Amino acid sequence: MLIEELTRLQAYQSSISARQRSVLGTAERFGANLSHARQVAALARGLLAGLQAAGESFGPEGEARSLLTAAGALHEVGQIVAQSAHHKHSAYLIRHAELRGFTPREIEWIALLARYHRKSAPKTTHPEFAALSAPEQALLTRLVAVLRVADGLDRSHAGGVQIEALDRRGGGWRLTVSGATPLDLEGARDKADVWARVLGPLTLHALP
């Protein structure tokens, strides 16, 4: 399956940037499920685009998209160390993977996004998160919210979910998706905790 996925990816490898190739190479080196990684990165970009279209700000143009793409691709690389606490292992590996084309700050943010894609939300008792300024903490937490929902939407690893619409509803959001399995919907609901806290409640609507 890995060879099959890599063959498919090679069709566009020559046209992607050095940093994208570095992320892809790192995911491959650590044995990531490339199909799932690609789907989570795509879903994270889709959610981000929907939020931005609705007027939500995520910092400098293009930066959030780049960080979410890399974190989506690398969020599970820590499984090569152990399934248990693999989010923490992912953060460690990302920090030491020598990702090309990224600044030290960007690498740290990608590591933190992977660290918080599951289990605990960002907390000021965590030294790496506490080291960020208050505005940085707020922005990172919003990006974490996006990545967690994106990961939940592919809990089945079937890769079939597509985002159809993301609309404001009162003080919250309505996310319409297609191709979702019951497990994907459950995953997104389970992982919408940070989203609800920083962006408002998220309601899912699945098209047949």
C-alpha atoms as a PDB file:
ATOM      1  CA  MET A   1       0.000   0.000   0.000  1.00  0.00           C
ATOM      2  CA  LEU A   2       2.835   2.394   0.829  1.00  0.00           C
ATOM      3  CA  ILE A   3       4.554   1.749  -2.518  1.00  0.00           C
ATOM      4  CA  GLU A   4       1.244   2.245  -4.310  1.00  0.00           C
ATOM      5  CA  GLU A   5       0.683   5.566  -2.584  1.00  0.00           C
ATOM      6  CA  LEU A   6       4.232   6.746  -3.271  1.00  0.00           C
ATOM      7  CA  THR A   7       3.845   5.877  -6.958  1.00  0.00           C
ATOM      8  CA  ARG A   8       0.733   8.006  -7.101  1.00  0.00           C
ATOM      9  CA  LEU A   9       2.490  10.877  -5.336  1.00  0.00           C
ATOM     10  CA  GLN A  10       5.477  10.785  -7.683  1.00  0.00           C
ATOM     11  CA  ALA A  11       3.244  12.086 -10.464  1.00  0.00           C
ATOM     12  CA  TYR A  12       3.306  15.546  -8.951  1.00  0.00           C
ATOM     13  CA  GLN A  13       6.459  15.470  -6.828  1.00  0.00           C
ATOM     14  CA  SER A  14       8.456  17.346  -9.439  1.00  0.00           C
ATOM     15  CA  SER A  15       6.071  20.310  -9.280  1.00  0.00           C
ATOM     16  CA  ILE A  16       5.912  20.759  -5.501  1.00  0.00           C
ATOM     17  CA  SER A  17       8.193  22.951  -3.432  1.00  0.00           C
ATOM     18  CA  ALA A  18      11.344  21.873  -1.619  1.00  0.00           C
ATOM     19  CA  ARG A  19       9.620  22.140   1.733  1.00  0.00           C
ATOM     20  CA  GLN A  20       6.685  20.041   0.545  1.00  0.00           C
ATOM     21  CA  ARG A  21       9.112  17.424  -0.714  1.00  0.00           C
ATOM     22  CA  SER A  22      10.874  17.529   2.637  1.00  0.00           C
ATOM     23  CA  VAL A  23       7.590  16.937   4.475  1.00  0.00           C
ATOM     24  CA  LEU A  24       6.670  14.097   2.129  1.00  0.00           C
ATOM     25  CA  GLY A  25      10.102  12.527   2.491  1.00  0.00           C
ATOM     26  CA  THR A  26       9.906  12.761   6.278  1.00  0.00           C
ATOM     27  CA  ALA A  27       6.458  11.158   6.338  1.00  0.00           C
ATOM     28  CA  GLU A  28       7.765   8.342   4.161  1.00  0.00           C
ATOM     29  CA  ARG A  29      10.926   7.908   6.231  1.00  0.00           C
ATOM     30  CA  PHE A  30       8.965   7.452   9.440  1.00  0.00           C
ATOM     31  CA  GLY A  31       6.450   5.090   7.877  1.00  0.00           C
ATOM     32  CA  ALA A  32       3.403   7.338   8.025  1.00  0.00           C
ATOM     33  CA  ASN A  33       0.153   6.216   6.443  1.00  0.00           C
ATOM     34  CA  LEU A  34       0.499   8.505   3.432  1.00  0.00           C
ATOM     35  CA  SER A  35      -3.101   8.166   2.312  1.00  0.00           C
ATOM     36  CA  HIS A  36      -4.395   9.233   5.727  1.00  0.00           C
ATOM     37  CA  ALA A  37      -1.770  11.962   6.000  1.00  0.00           C
ATOM     38  CA  ARG A  38      -2.754  13.402   2.647  1.00  0.00           C
ATOM     39  CA  GLN A  39      -6.464  13.273   3.517  1.00  0.00           C
ATOM     40  CA  VAL A  40      -6.017  14.997   6.891  1.00  0.00           C
ATOM     41  CA  ALA A  41      -3.886  17.717   5.293  1.00  0.00           C
ATOM     42  CA  ALA A  42      -6.523  18.256   2.589  1.00  0.00           C
ATOM     43  CA  LEU A  43      -9.377  18.365   5.096  1.00  0.00           C
ATOM     44  CA  ALA A  44      -7.458  20.812   7.294  1.00  0.00           C
ATOM     45  CA  ARG A  45      -6.923  23.101   4.298  1.00  0.00           C
ATOM     46  CA  GLY A  46     -10.608  22.851   3.420  1.00  0.00           C
ATOM     47  CA  LEU A  47     -11.722  23.732   6.924  1.00  0.00           C
ATOM     48  CA  LEU A  48      -9.263  26.624   7.048  1.00  0.00           C
ATOM     49  CA  ALA A  49     -10.516  27.958   3.706  1.00  0.00           C
ATOM     50  CA  GLY A  50     -14.099  27.809   4.959  1.00  0.00           C
ATOM     51  CA  LEU A  51     -13.251  29.674   8.133  1.00  0.00           C
ATOM     52  CA  GLN A  52     -11.290  32.330   6.255  1.00  0.00           C
ATOM     53  CA  ALA A  53     -14.127  32.760   3.749  1.00  0.00           C
ATOM     54  CA  ALA A  54     -16.407  33.416   6.709  1.00  0.00           C
ATOM     55  CA  GLY A  55     -14.100  36.179   7.941  1.00  0.00           C
ATOM     56  CA  GLU A  56     -11.933  34.347  10.476  1.00  0.00           C
ATOM     57  CA  SER A  57      -8.315  35.507  10.596  1.00  0.00           C
ATOM     58  CA  PHE A  58      -5.369  33.115  10.865  1.00  0.00           C
ATOM     59  CA  GLY A  59      -2.352  35.359  10.608  1.00  0.00           C
ATOM     60  CA  PRO A  60      -0.146  36.106   7.588  1.00  0.00           C
ATOM     61  CA  GLU A  61      -1.438  35.043   4.184  1.00  0.00           C
ATOM     62  CA  GLY A  62      -0.586  31.444   3.398  1.00  0.00           C
ATOM     63  CA  GLU A  63       1.278  30.681   6.615  1.00  0.00           C
ATOM     64  CA  ALA A  64      -1.568  28.865   8.365  1.00  0.00           C
ATOM     65  CA  ARG A  65      -2.238  26.763   5.274  1.00  0.00           C
ATOM     66  CA  SER A  66       1.422  25.777   5.041  1.00  0.00           C
ATOM     67  CA  LEU A  67       1.675  24.874   8.719  1.00  0.00           C
ATOM     68  CA  LEU A  68      -1.542  22.847   8.684  1.00  0.00           C
ATOM     69  CA  THR A  69      -0.483  21.008   5.533  1.00  0.00           C
ATOM     70  CA  ALA A  70       2.828  19.980   7.088  1.00  0.00           C
ATOM     71  CA  ALA A  71       1.287  19.088  10.449  1.00  0.00           C
ATOM     72  CA  GLY A  72      -1.487  17.128   8.756  1.00  0.00           C
ATOM     73  CA  ALA A  73       1.086  15.130   6.839  1.00  0.00           C
ATOM     74  CA  LEU A  74       3.296  14.476   9.862  1.00  0.00           C
ATOM     75  CA  HIS A  75       0.892  14.262  12.795  1.00  0.00           C
ATOM     76  CA  GLU A  76       1.192  10.482  13.171  1.00  0.00           C
ATOM     77  CA  VAL A  77       4.893   9.920  12.439  1.00  0.00           C
ATOM     78  CA  GLY A  78       5.402   9.212  16.138  1.00  0.00           C
ATOM     79  CA  GLN A  79       3.684   5.863  15.699  1.00  0.00           C
ATOM     80  CA  ILE A  80       7.028   4.525  14.507  1.00  0.00           C
ATOM     81  CA  VAL A  81       8.152   4.890  18.137  1.00  0.00           C
ATOM     82  CA  ALA A  82       4.957   3.726  19.859  1.00  0.00           C
ATOM     83  CA  GLN A  83       1.202   3.969  19.447  1.00  0.00           C
ATOM     84  CA  SER A  84       0.859   5.133  23.024  1.00  0.00           C
ATOM     85  CA  ALA A  85       1.543   8.879  23.303  1.00  0.00           C
ATOM     86  CA  HIS A  86       2.439   8.966  19.611  1.00  0.00           C
ATOM     87  CA  HIS A  87       1.413  12.636  19.464  1.00  0.00           C
ATOM     88  CA  LYS A  88       4.324  13.470  21.778  1.00  0.00           C
ATOM     89  CA  HIS A  89       6.685  11.259  19.791  1.00  0.00           C
ATOM     90  CA  SER A  90       5.529  13.007  16.603  1.00  0.00           C
ATOM     91  CA  ALA A  91       6.413  16.397  18.053  1.00  0.00           C
ATOM     92  CA  TYR A  92       9.890  15.168  19.014  1.00  0.00           C
ATOM     93  CA  LEU A  93      10.574  13.632  15.608  1.00  0.00           C
ATOM     94  CA  ILE A  94       9.380  16.746  13.758  1.00  0.00           C
ATOM     95  CA  ARG A  95      11.689  18.948  15.818  1.00  0.00           C
ATOM     96  CA  HIS A  96      14.663  16.770  14.901  1.00  0.00           C
ATOM     97  CA  ALA A  97      13.774  15.793  11.323  1.00  0.00           C
ATOM     98  CA  GLU A  98      15.658  18.718   9.747  1.00  0.00           C
ATOM     99  CA  LEU A  99      12.713  19.790   7.613  1.00  0.00           C
ATOM    100  CA  ARG A 100      14.051  21.820   4.709  1.00  0.00           C
ATOM    101  CA  GLY A 101      12.660  25.221   3.816  1.00  0.00           C
ATOM    102  CA  PHE A 102      11.076  25.902   7.202  1.00  0.00           C
ATOM    103  CA  THR A 103      12.275  28.374   9.800  1.00  0.00           C
ATOM    104  CA  PRO A 104      12.955  27.144  13.351  1.00  0.00           C
ATOM    105  CA  ARG A 105       9.752  28.896  14.436  1.00  0.00           C
ATOM    106  CA  GLU A 106       7.703  27.150  11.747  1.00  0.00           C
ATOM    107  CA  ILE A 107       9.164  23.769  12.680  1.00  0.00           C
ATOM    108  CA  GLU A 108       8.246  24.369  16.316  1.00  0.00           C
ATOM    109  CA  TRP A 109       4.683  25.259  15.355  1.00  0.00           C
ATOM    110  CA  ILE A 110       4.356  22.149  13.183  1.00  0.00           C
ATOM    111  CA  ALA A 111       5.649  20.082  16.108  1.00  0.00           C
ATOM    112  CA  LEU A 112       3.152  21.691  18.488  1.00  0.00           C
ATOM    113  CA  LEU A 113       0.268  21.143  16.088  1.00  0.00           C
ATOM    114  CA  ALA A 114       1.174  17.457  15.889  1.00  0.00           C
ATOM    115  CA  ARG A 115       1.547  17.362  19.678  1.00  0.00           C
ATOM    116  CA  TYR A 116      -2.009  18.603  20.154  1.00  0.00           C
ATOM    117  CA  HIS A 117      -3.795  16.720  17.365  1.00  0.00           C
ATOM    118  CA  ARG A 118      -5.094  14.291  20.013  1.00  0.00           C
ATOM    119  CA  LYS A 119      -5.458  13.954  23.762  1.00  0.00           C
ATOM    120  CA  SER A 120      -4.756  17.156  25.721  1.00  0.00           C
ATOM    121  CA  ALA A 121      -5.580  20.578  24.352  1.00  0.00           C
ATOM    122  CA  PRO A 122      -2.874  23.278  24.595  1.00  0.00           C
ATOM    123  CA  LYS A 123      -2.246  24.350  28.196  1.00  0.00           C
ATOM    124  CA  THR A 124      -0.094  27.066  29.712  1.00  0.00           C
ATOM    125  CA  THR A 125       1.324  24.416  32.048  1.00  0.00           C
ATOM    126  CA  HIS A 126       3.061  22.890  29.015  1.00  0.00           C
ATOM    127  CA  PRO A 127       6.476  24.606  28.725  1.00  0.00           C
ATOM    128  CA  GLU A 128       6.633  24.770  24.911  1.00  0.00           C
ATOM    129  CA  PHE A 129       3.158  26.280  24.682  1.00  0.00           C
ATOM    130  CA  ALA A 130       3.806  28.641  27.595  1.00  0.00           C
ATOM    131  CA  ALA A 131       6.885  29.958  25.772  1.00  0.00           C
ATOM    132  CA  LEU A 132       4.641  31.496  23.105  1.00  0.00           C
ATOM    133  CA  SER A 133       3.228  35.001  23.434  1.00  0.00           C
ATOM    134  CA  ALA A 134      -0.474  35.357  24.226  1.00  0.00           C
ATOM    135  CA  PRO A 135      -1.401  36.155  20.582  1.00  0.00           C
ATOM    136  CA  GLU A 136       0.672  33.196  19.384  1.00  0.00           C
ATOM    137  CA  GLN A 137      -1.024  30.909  21.888  1.00  0.00           C
ATOM    138  CA  ALA A 138      -4.431  32.047  20.635  1.00  0.00           C
ATOM    139  CA  LEU A 139      -3.515  31.487  16.981  1.00  0.00           C
ATOM    140  CA  LEU A 140      -1.902  28.104  17.590  1.00  0.00           C
ATOM    141  CA  THR A 141      -4.964  26.942  19.520  1.00  0.00           C
ATOM    142  CA  ARG A 142      -7.202  27.902  16.601  1.00  0.00           C
ATOM    143  CA  LEU A 143      -4.993  25.917  14.227  1.00  0.00           C
ATOM    144  CA  VAL A 144      -5.070  22.980  16.651  1.00  0.00           C
ATOM    145  CA  ALA A 145      -8.867  23.149  16.565  1.00  0.00           C
ATOM    146  CA  VAL A 146      -8.824  22.819  12.772  1.00  0.00           C
ATOM    147  CA  LEU A 147      -6.325  19.936  12.717  1.00  0.00           C
ATOM    148  CA  ARG A 148      -8.191  17.935  15.363  1.00  0.00           C
ATOM    149  CA  VAL A 149     -11.467  18.073  13.445  1.00  0.00           C
ATOM    150  CA  ALA A 150      -9.683  17.231  10.179  1.00  0.00           C
ATOM    151  CA  ASP A 151      -8.093  14.188  11.793  1.00  0.00           C
ATOM    152  CA  GLY A 152     -11.415  13.123  13.286  1.00  0.00           C
ATOM    153  CA  LEU A 153     -13.070  13.329   9.874  1.00  0.00           C
ATOM    154  CA  ASP A 154     -10.787  10.527   8.666  1.00  0.00           C
ATOM    155  CA  ARG A 155     -10.965   8.318  11.742  1.00  0.00           C
ATOM    156  CA  SER A 156     -11.886   5.385   9.488  1.00  0.00           C
ATOM    157  CA  HIS A 157      -8.813   6.040   7.289  1.00  0.00           C
ATOM    158  CA  ALA A 158     -11.155   5.459   4.351  1.00  0.00           C
ATOM    159  CA  GLY A 159     -10.237   8.812   2.786  1.00  0.00           C
ATOM    160  CA  GLY A 160     -13.738   9.412   1.497  1.00  0.00           C
ATOM    161  CA  VAL A 161     -14.825  12.586   3.286  1.00  0.00           C
ATOM    162  CA  GLN A 162     -15.276  15.776   1.318  1.00  0.00           C
ATOM    163  CA  ILE A 163     -16.170  19.158   2.771  1.00  0.00           C
ATOM    164  CA  GLU A 164     -19.221  20.571   1.030  1.00  0.00           C
ATOM    165  CA  ALA A 165     -19.836  23.711   3.111  1.00  0.00           C
ATOM    166  CA  LEU A 166     -18.910  25.427   6.345  1.00  0.00           C
ATOM    167  CA  ASP A 167     -21.388  28.073   7.482  1.00  0.00           C
ATOM    168  CA  ARG A 168     -21.867  30.226  10.534  1.00  0.00           C
ATOM    169  CA  ARG A 169     -24.961  29.298  12.510  1.00  0.00           C
ATOM    170  CA  GLY A 170     -25.698  31.672  15.371  1.00  0.00           C
ATOM    171  CA  GLY A 171     -22.692  31.537  17.655  1.00  0.00           C
ATOM    172  CA  GLY A 172     -21.390  28.366  16.068  1.00  0.00           C
ATOM    173  CA  TRP A 173     -20.796  26.516  12.818  1.00  0.00           C
ATOM    174  CA  ARG A 174     -22.501  23.981  10.576  1.00  0.00           C
ATOM    175  CA  LEU A 175     -20.174  21.685   8.665  1.00  0.00           C
ATOM    176  CA  THR A 176     -21.671  19.789   5.742  1.00  0.00           C
ATOM    177  CA  VAL A 177     -19.708  16.783   4.509  1.00  0.00           C
ATOM    178  CA  SER A 178     -20.159  13.940   2.073  1.00  0.00           C
ATOM    179  CA  GLY A 179     -18.606  10.492   1.954  1.00  0.00           C
ATOM    180  CA  ALA A 180     -18.328  10.188   5.735  1.00  0.00           C
ATOM    181  CA  THR A 181     -18.658   6.886   7.542  1.00  0.00           C
ATOM    182  CA  PRO A 182     -20.332   6.779  10.975  1.00  0.00           C
ATOM    183  CA  LEU A 183     -16.843   6.405  12.438  1.00  0.00           C
ATOM    184  CA  ASP A 184     -15.665   9.584  10.687  1.00  0.00           C
ATOM    185  CA  LEU A 185     -18.637  11.554  12.026  1.00  0.00           C
ATOM    186  CA  GLU A 186     -18.041  10.217  15.514  1.00  0.00           C
ATOM    187  CA  GLY A 187     -14.368  11.120  15.225  1.00  0.00           C
ATOM    188  CA  ALA A 188     -15.093  14.695  14.176  1.00  0.00           C
ATOM    189  CA  ARG A 189     -17.596  15.186  16.995  1.00  0.00           C
ATOM    190  CA  ASP A 190     -15.197  13.732  19.544  1.00  0.00           C
ATOM    191  CA  LYS A 191     -12.380  16.004  18.393  1.00  0.00           C
ATOM    192  CA  ALA A 192     -14.396  19.221  18.094  1.00  0.00           C
ATOM    193  CA  ASP A 193     -13.696  20.125  21.731  1.00  0.00           C
ATOM    194  CA  VAL A 194     -11.037  22.751  21.070  1.00  0.00           C
ATOM    195  CA  TRP A 195     -13.026  24.075  18.091  1.00  0.00           C
ATOM    196  CA  ALA A 196     -16.064  24.625  20.319  1.00  0.00           C
ATOM    197  CA  ARG A 197     -13.946  26.467  22.875  1.00  0.00           C
ATOM    198  CA  VAL A 198     -12.194  28.879  20.524  1.00  0.00           C
ATOM    199  CA  LEU A 199     -14.505  29.129  17.514  1.00  0.00           C
ATOM    200  CA  GLY A 200     -17.951  28.130  18.782  1.00  0.00           C
ATOM    201  CA  PRO A 201     -19.964  24.887  18.704  1.00  0.00           C
ATOM    202  CA  LEU A 202     -19.637  22.718  15.597  1.00  0.00           C
ATOM    203  CA  THR A 203     -22.634  20.832  14.183  1.00  0.00           C
ATOM    204  CA  LEU A 204     -22.085  18.179  11.517  1.00  0.00           C
ATOM    205  CA  HIS A 205     -24.470  17.514   8.665  1.00  0.00           C
ATOM    206  CA  ALA A 206     -23.765  14.450   6.541  1.00  0.00           C
ATOM    207  CA  LEU A 207     -25.064  14.214   3.008  1.00  0.00           C
ATOM    208  CA  PRO A 208     -26.196  10.744   1.867  1.00  0.00           C
END
